[in-house]
Amino acid sequence: MTGRAVRVCVLAGVCCALVAAGVAFGLGRMGTLARGDGEQGRYVQDAALADEAAAGVLEKLVEGGPRAEPPVRGFAEGDWKPSDPLEARDVPAEPAIGALFSPGPDWDDDHHCSGSVVHSAGGDLVVTAAHCVYAGGFRNNLAFVPGYEEGKAPYGVWVPTRIDVDPRWVRDSDPDVDVAFIRVRRAGHPGQRLEDVTGAHPVAFGRQLPVPARLVGYPNDSERPLGCSGTAVADGPTQLRFDCADVPNGTSGGPVLSAGNTLIGVIGGRDGGGDETTSYSSCFGDRVRALYERAARG
């Protein structure tokens, strides 16, 4: 199923016209696409728009409430078991994995993608797929809700301060760099660090494949995450493949995690993330490492 991130307009011409109108004229304050710095693949988020996005999400959600316990270490390779059958199913919410929302008058008023907290010195970094944040322009109405479940935001609503993608994604939508890093803050809570609240996944670059792994993501039409355990394998030199059925739209940007909850990929890459039986990720090689380091430095 191509393009797991977003709900797609039936008429491509109408969709393109709406995107173009959003870039040129805006769709109200929220729902616009920002140009940012395309040559660098960078967008510094307008603070007022970010706060408006947070308010739009909080109109529909309950902030706070019971919190999920973070996995202590995820699975160890010695006790790993694949899903049987290899089909995604509902799993408990996890603090460091969440849903991306885009409130406002565009075609993604509800959650449309997934993301996860990745360890960084600043403690404020979320990783997702590039196609979740940039499509002809940077989305400027994003909000990340970690641990989201059944209309609740137990760890608050977090909004971008900056978005980084590889310039090759801006130029060509290159599936080999379908990764984005978002630096975030919690609206109304200055100084609070995301990683201190939710924990974070360590990230590995150049991981040798195959390895036991699991993926997690939020389907567009579900208020709970789903997950699947299987094996991450190489599909050529630039793509990671994960075979598991029933991983639908909305899971794009969700993490692919190896032993110890180590991040080795995000759902995206080839074919917009895959089809009914297979998920993909851009390989976390030197290009993604450089992007991560740039985003973490700010």
Protein backbone atom coordinates (compact mmCIF):
# COMPACT_ATOMS: atom_id res chain seq x y z
CA MET A 1 0.00 0.00 0.00
CA THR A 2 1.91 3.00 -1.28
CA GLY A 3 2.28 6.06 0.94
CA ARG A 4 1.47 4.89 4.45
CA ALA A 5 1.74 8.36 5.93
CA VAL A 6 -1.19 10.32 4.68
CA ARG A 7 -4.75 10.02 3.49
CA VAL A 8 -4.60 10.51 -0.26
CA CYS A 9 -6.95 12.58 -2.39
CA VAL A 10 -8.85 10.49 -4.92
CA LEU A 11 -8.25 12.93 -7.72
CA ALA A 12 -4.53 13.60 -8.04
CA GLY A 13 -5.10 16.84 -9.89
CA VAL A 14 -7.33 18.20 -7.15
CA CYS A 15 -4.82 17.13 -4.52
CA CYS A 16 -1.92 18.82 -6.29
CA ALA A 17 -3.98 21.97 -6.72
CA LEU A 18 -4.78 22.02 -3.01
CA VAL A 19 -1.13 21.53 -2.07
CA ALA A 20 -0.08 24.32 -4.39
CA ALA A 21 -2.74 26.58 -2.95
CA GLY A 22 -1.59 25.74 0.57
CA VAL A 23 1.99 26.70 -0.27
CA ALA A 24 1.12 29.89 -2.07
CA PHE A 25 -1.78 31.24 -0.07
CA GLY A 26 -2.19 29.09 3.06
CA LEU A 27 -5.30 27.34 4.31
CA GLY A 28 -5.94 29.58 7.27
CA ARG A 29 -3.11 29.83 9.80
CA MET A 30 -2.75 26.09 10.20
CA GLY A 31 -2.77 23.68 7.31
CA THR A 32 -0.11 25.58 5.39
CA LEU A 33 3.14 24.27 4.00
CA ALA A 34 6.28 26.24 4.75
CA ARG A 35 9.16 26.52 2.31
CA GLY A 36 11.93 26.45 4.90
CA ASP A 37 15.48 26.07 3.65
CA GLY A 38 15.17 23.49 0.88
CA GLU A 39 18.87 23.49 0.05
CA GLN A 40 19.71 22.44 3.59
CA GLY A 41 16.52 20.46 4.23
CA ARG A 42 15.71 22.51 7.30
CA TYR A 43 12.70 24.33 8.71
CA VAL A 44 12.70 26.46 11.86
CA GLN A 45 9.15 26.29 13.15
CA ASP A 46 7.12 29.44 13.76
CA ALA A 47 6.36 29.37 17.50
CA ALA A 48 2.86 30.83 17.19
CA LEU A 49 1.84 28.26 14.58
CA ALA A 50 3.27 25.49 16.74
CA ASP A 51 1.30 26.64 19.77
CA GLU A 52 -1.84 26.83 17.65
CA ALA A 53 -1.29 23.24 16.50
CA ALA A 54 -0.89 22.11 20.10
CA ALA A 55 -4.11 23.86 21.06
CA GLY A 56 -5.89 22.22 18.13
CA VAL A 57 -4.81 18.78 19.30
CA LEU A 58 -5.69 19.46 22.91
CA GLU A 59 -9.23 20.41 21.90
CA LYS A 60 -9.78 16.73 21.08
CA LEU A 61 -7.55 14.96 23.61
CA VAL A 62 -7.30 14.57 27.36
CA GLU A 63 -3.85 15.55 28.59
CA GLY A 64 -2.32 13.58 31.44
CA GLY A 65 -3.86 10.51 33.05
CA PRO A 66 -2.45 7.00 33.55
CA ARG A 67 0.96 6.44 32.05
CA ALA A 68 2.34 3.32 30.45
CA GLU A 69 5.45 1.80 31.96
CA PRO A 70 8.42 1.97 29.59
CA PRO A 71 9.94 -1.34 28.51
CA VAL A 72 13.03 -1.89 30.61
CA ARG A 73 15.18 -3.08 27.75
CA GLY A 74 12.84 -4.40 25.07
CA PHE A 75 13.69 -7.92 24.03
CA ALA A 76 17.07 -9.58 24.22
CA GLU A 77 18.15 -11.63 21.21
CA GLY A 78 18.16 -14.76 23.35
CA ASP A 79 14.47 -14.46 24.27
CA TRP A 80 13.18 -13.04 20.99
CA LYS A 81 10.18 -14.72 19.38
CA PRO A 82 8.62 -13.69 16.06
CA SER A 83 4.91 -12.98 15.81
CA ASP A 84 2.95 -16.11 14.88
CA PRO A 85 1.41 -15.62 12.41
CA LEU A 86 3.44 -12.73 10.95
CA GLU A 87 0.59 -10.24 11.26
CA ALA A 88 0.49 -6.92 13.07
CA ARG A 89 -1.84 -6.70 16.05
CA ASP A 90 -2.74 -4.26 18.82
CA VAL A 91 0.02 -3.71 21.39
CA PRO A 92 0.22 -1.60 24.56
CA ALA A 93 1.22 2.02 24.12
CA GLU A 94 4.83 2.89 24.98
CA PRO A 95 6.02 6.24 26.33
CA ALA A 96 8.70 6.81 23.69
CA ILE A 97 6.47 5.99 20.70
CA GLY A 98 3.62 8.21 19.61
CA ALA A 99 1.32 9.59 16.94
CA LEU A 100 1.79 12.67 14.77
CA PHE A 101 -1.21 14.97 14.40
CA SER A 102 -1.84 17.85 11.98
CA PRO A 103 -4.86 19.82 13.22
CA GLY A 104 -6.40 22.44 10.99
CA PRO A 105 -8.19 22.71 7.65
CA ASP A 106 -6.10 20.27 5.65
CA TRP A 107 -6.63 16.62 4.76
CA ASP A 108 -4.99 15.21 7.91
CA ASP A 109 -7.00 16.62 10.78
CA ASP A 110 -6.46 13.45 12.84
CA HIS A 111 -3.24 11.53 13.48
CA HIS A 112 -1.64 10.50 10.21
CA CYS A 113 1.87 9.25 11.02
CA SER A 114 3.95 7.79 13.82
CA GLY A 115 7.23 8.76 15.45
CA SER A 116 9.49 7.89 18.35
CA VAL A 117 11.86 9.58 20.75
CA VAL A 118 15.50 9.02 19.90
CA HIS A 119 18.32 9.65 22.36
CA SER A 120 20.22 12.92 21.95
CA ALA A 121 22.24 15.26 24.14
CA GLY A 122 19.44 17.81 24.09
CA GLY A 123 16.80 15.24 25.03
CA ASP A 124 14.32 16.74 22.57
CA LEU A 125 14.56 14.69 19.36
CA VAL A 126 11.81 12.74 17.57
CA VAL A 127 12.40 10.62 14.46
CA THR A 128 9.83 9.88 11.78
CA ALA A 129 9.66 9.45 7.99
CA ALA A 130 10.50 12.43 5.78
CA HIS A 131 7.27 11.99 3.85
CA CYS A 132 5.37 12.59 7.09
CA VAL A 133 6.75 16.13 7.44
CA TYR A 134 7.63 17.30 3.92
CA ALA A 135 5.54 17.04 0.75
CA GLY A 136 6.20 20.04 -1.47
CA GLY A 137 6.86 22.03 1.71
CA PHE A 138 7.30 21.48 5.44
CA ARG A 139 4.14 20.89 7.44
CA ASN A 140 3.86 23.71 9.96
CA ASN A 141 0.94 22.28 11.93
CA LEU A 142 2.56 19.18 13.41
CA ALA A 143 2.17 17.92 16.96
CA PHE A 144 3.64 14.77 18.52
CA VAL A 145 1.73 12.86 21.21
CA PRO A 146 3.94 10.22 22.87
CA GLY A 147 2.22 7.23 24.43
CA TYR A 148 -1.03 8.15 22.68
CA GLU A 149 -3.96 5.82 23.33
CA GLU A 150 -7.75 6.15 23.17
CA GLY A 151 -7.84 9.95 22.97
CA LYS A 152 -5.37 10.49 25.80
CA ALA A 153 -2.04 12.32 25.84
CA PRO A 154 -0.44 10.99 29.05
CA TYR A 155 2.92 12.67 28.37
CA GLY A 156 1.61 15.89 26.91
CA VAL A 157 1.62 17.41 23.42
CA TRP A 158 4.95 18.36 21.87
CA VAL A 159 5.50 20.65 18.90
CA PRO A 160 8.47 21.24 16.58
CA THR A 161 11.08 23.90 17.03
CA ARG A 162 12.94 22.64 13.99
CA ILE A 163 12.62 19.91 11.34
CA ASP A 164 15.56 18.36 9.47
CA VAL A 165 15.40 16.20 6.34
CA ASP A 166 18.05 15.26 3.80
CA PRO A 167 18.13 17.76 0.89
CA ARG A 168 17.78 14.80 -1.50
CA TRP A 169 14.30 14.26 -0.10
CA VAL A 170 13.39 17.88 -0.85
CA ARG A 171 14.75 17.65 -4.40
CA ASP A 172 13.67 14.19 -5.48
CA SER A 173 11.67 12.44 -2.70
CA ASP A 174 14.56 9.96 -2.67
CA PRO A 175 13.30 6.82 -0.84
CA ASP A 176 16.83 6.11 0.38
CA VAL A 177 16.63 9.16 2.70
CA ASP A 178 13.00 8.95 3.86
CA VAL A 179 13.91 9.95 7.41
CA ALA A 180 13.27 13.15 9.37
CA PHE A 181 14.31 14.41 12.79
CA ILE A 182 12.12 16.85 14.72
CA ARG A 183 13.35 18.87 17.67
CA VAL A 184 10.41 19.51 19.97
CA ARG A 185 9.21 21.43 23.00
CA ARG A 186 6.14 20.95 25.16
CA ALA A 187 3.72 23.80 24.63
CA GLY A 188 3.11 25.66 27.88
CA HIS A 189 5.92 23.86 29.75
CA PRO A 190 9.14 25.78 29.05
CA GLY A 191 12.32 23.94 29.93
CA GLN A 192 10.80 20.46 30.08
CA ARG A 193 12.75 17.87 28.08
CA LEU A 194 10.93 15.14 26.20
CA GLU A 195 13.49 12.45 26.94
CA ASP A 196 13.24 13.12 30.67
CA VAL A 197 9.50 12.42 30.49
CA THR A 198 9.32 9.45 28.11
CA GLY A 199 12.78 7.94 27.89
CA ALA A 200 14.32 7.41 24.46
CA HIS A 201 15.61 4.79 22.05
CA PRO A 202 19.34 4.60 21.40
CA VAL A 203 20.06 4.74 17.67
CA ALA A 204 22.41 2.45 15.73
CA PHE A 205 23.94 3.24 12.35
CA GLY A 206 25.38 0.67 9.99
CA ARG A 207 23.75 -2.23 11.80
CA GLN A 208 24.51 -5.54 10.10
CA LEU A 209 21.41 -7.33 8.82
CA PRO A 210 19.53 -9.61 9.27
CA VAL A 211 18.63 -9.06 12.92
CA PRO A 212 15.58 -9.86 15.06
CA ALA A 213 13.43 -6.74 15.26
CA ARG A 214 9.98 -5.34 15.93
CA LEU A 215 8.02 -2.45 14.49
CA VAL A 216 5.37 -0.27 16.09
CA GLY A 217 3.02 2.32 14.58
CA TYR A 218 -0.37 4.00 14.77
CA PRO A 219 -2.83 3.19 11.98
CA ASN A 220 -4.87 6.15 10.75
CA ASP A 221 -8.13 4.58 11.85
CA SER A 222 -7.02 3.23 15.24
CA GLU A 223 -6.64 4.82 18.66
CA ARG A 224 -4.09 2.23 19.72
CA PRO A 225 -0.71 1.25 18.32
CA LEU A 226 -0.05 -2.04 16.60
CA GLY A 227 3.16 -3.99 16.47
CA CYS A 228 4.83 -7.01 14.96
CA SER A 229 7.99 -8.98 15.72
CA GLY A 230 10.01 -10.50 12.92
CA THR A 231 13.35 -10.16 11.17
CA ALA A 232 14.82 -7.04 9.58
CA VAL A 233 16.73 -7.95 6.42
CA ALA A 234 18.60 -5.99 3.77
CA ASP A 235 16.81 -5.34 0.48
CA GLY A 236 19.71 -4.04 -1.56
CA PRO A 237 22.33 -1.67 -0.15
CA THR A 238 19.98 1.15 0.86
CA GLN A 239 16.73 -0.41 2.12
CA LEU A 240 15.71 -2.42 5.18
CA ARG A 241 12.82 -4.84 4.68
CA PHE A 242 10.50 -6.24 7.34
CA ASP A 243 7.95 -8.87 6.33
CA CYS A 244 4.72 -8.69 8.32
CA ALA A 245 1.13 -8.43 7.13
CA ASP A 246 -1.49 -5.80 8.00
CA VAL A 247 0.70 -2.76 8.66
CA PRO A 248 -1.59 -0.01 7.29
CA ASN A 249 -1.55 3.73 6.54
CA GLY A 250 -0.52 5.88 9.48
CA THR A 251 2.28 3.62 10.65
CA SER A 252 4.83 5.50 8.51
CA GLY A 253 7.54 6.94 10.71
CA GLY A 254 7.05 4.28 13.37
CA PRO A 255 10.25 2.74 14.72
CA VAL A 256 11.96 -0.48 13.71
CA LEU A 257 13.66 -1.65 16.91
CA SER A 258 16.28 -4.32 17.44
CA ALA A 259 17.39 -5.89 20.74
CA GLY A 260 17.53 -3.48 23.66
CA ASN A 261 15.01 -1.15 22.00
CA THR A 262 17.72 0.14 19.68
CA LEU A 263 16.39 2.13 16.73
CA ILE A 264 17.59 0.78 13.37
CA GLY A 265 14.95 2.21 11.03
CA VAL A 266 11.61 3.97 10.59
CA ILE A 267 8.74 2.75 8.44
CA GLY A 268 9.06 4.50 5.08
CA GLY A 269 11.51 4.32 2.22
CA ARG A 270 10.57 2.19 -0.77
CA ASP A 271 6.95 2.45 -1.98
CA GLY A 272 6.12 4.96 0.74
CA GLY A 273 6.68 2.32 3.40
CA GLY A 274 5.52 -0.89 1.75
CA ASP A 275 2.38 -2.87 0.98
CA GLU A 276 0.03 -5.31 2.70
CA THR A 277 2.77 -7.82 3.50
CA THR A 278 6.08 -5.93 3.61
CA SER A 279 7.37 -2.78 5.33
CA TYR A 280 10.51 -0.87 4.39
CA SER A 281 12.89 1.65 5.92
CA SER A 282 15.73 3.66 4.49
CA CYS A 283 18.91 2.07 5.84
CA PHE A 284 20.47 3.95 8.73
CA GLY A 285 23.85 4.49 7.10
CA ASP A 286 26.18 7.46 6.76
CA ARG A 287 23.57 9.80 5.26
CA VAL A 288 21.11 9.25 8.11
CA ARG A 289 23.93 9.47 10.65
CA ALA A 290 24.92 12.89 9.26
CA LEU A 291 21.31 14.03 9.36
CA TYR A 292 20.93 12.86 12.97
CA GLU A 293 24.12 14.64 14.02
CA ARG A 294 23.01 17.85 12.32
CA ALA A 295 19.59 17.71 13.97
CA ALA A 296 21.03 16.91 17.40
CA ARG A 297 23.51 19.81 17.17
CA GLY A 298 20.83 22.28 16.16
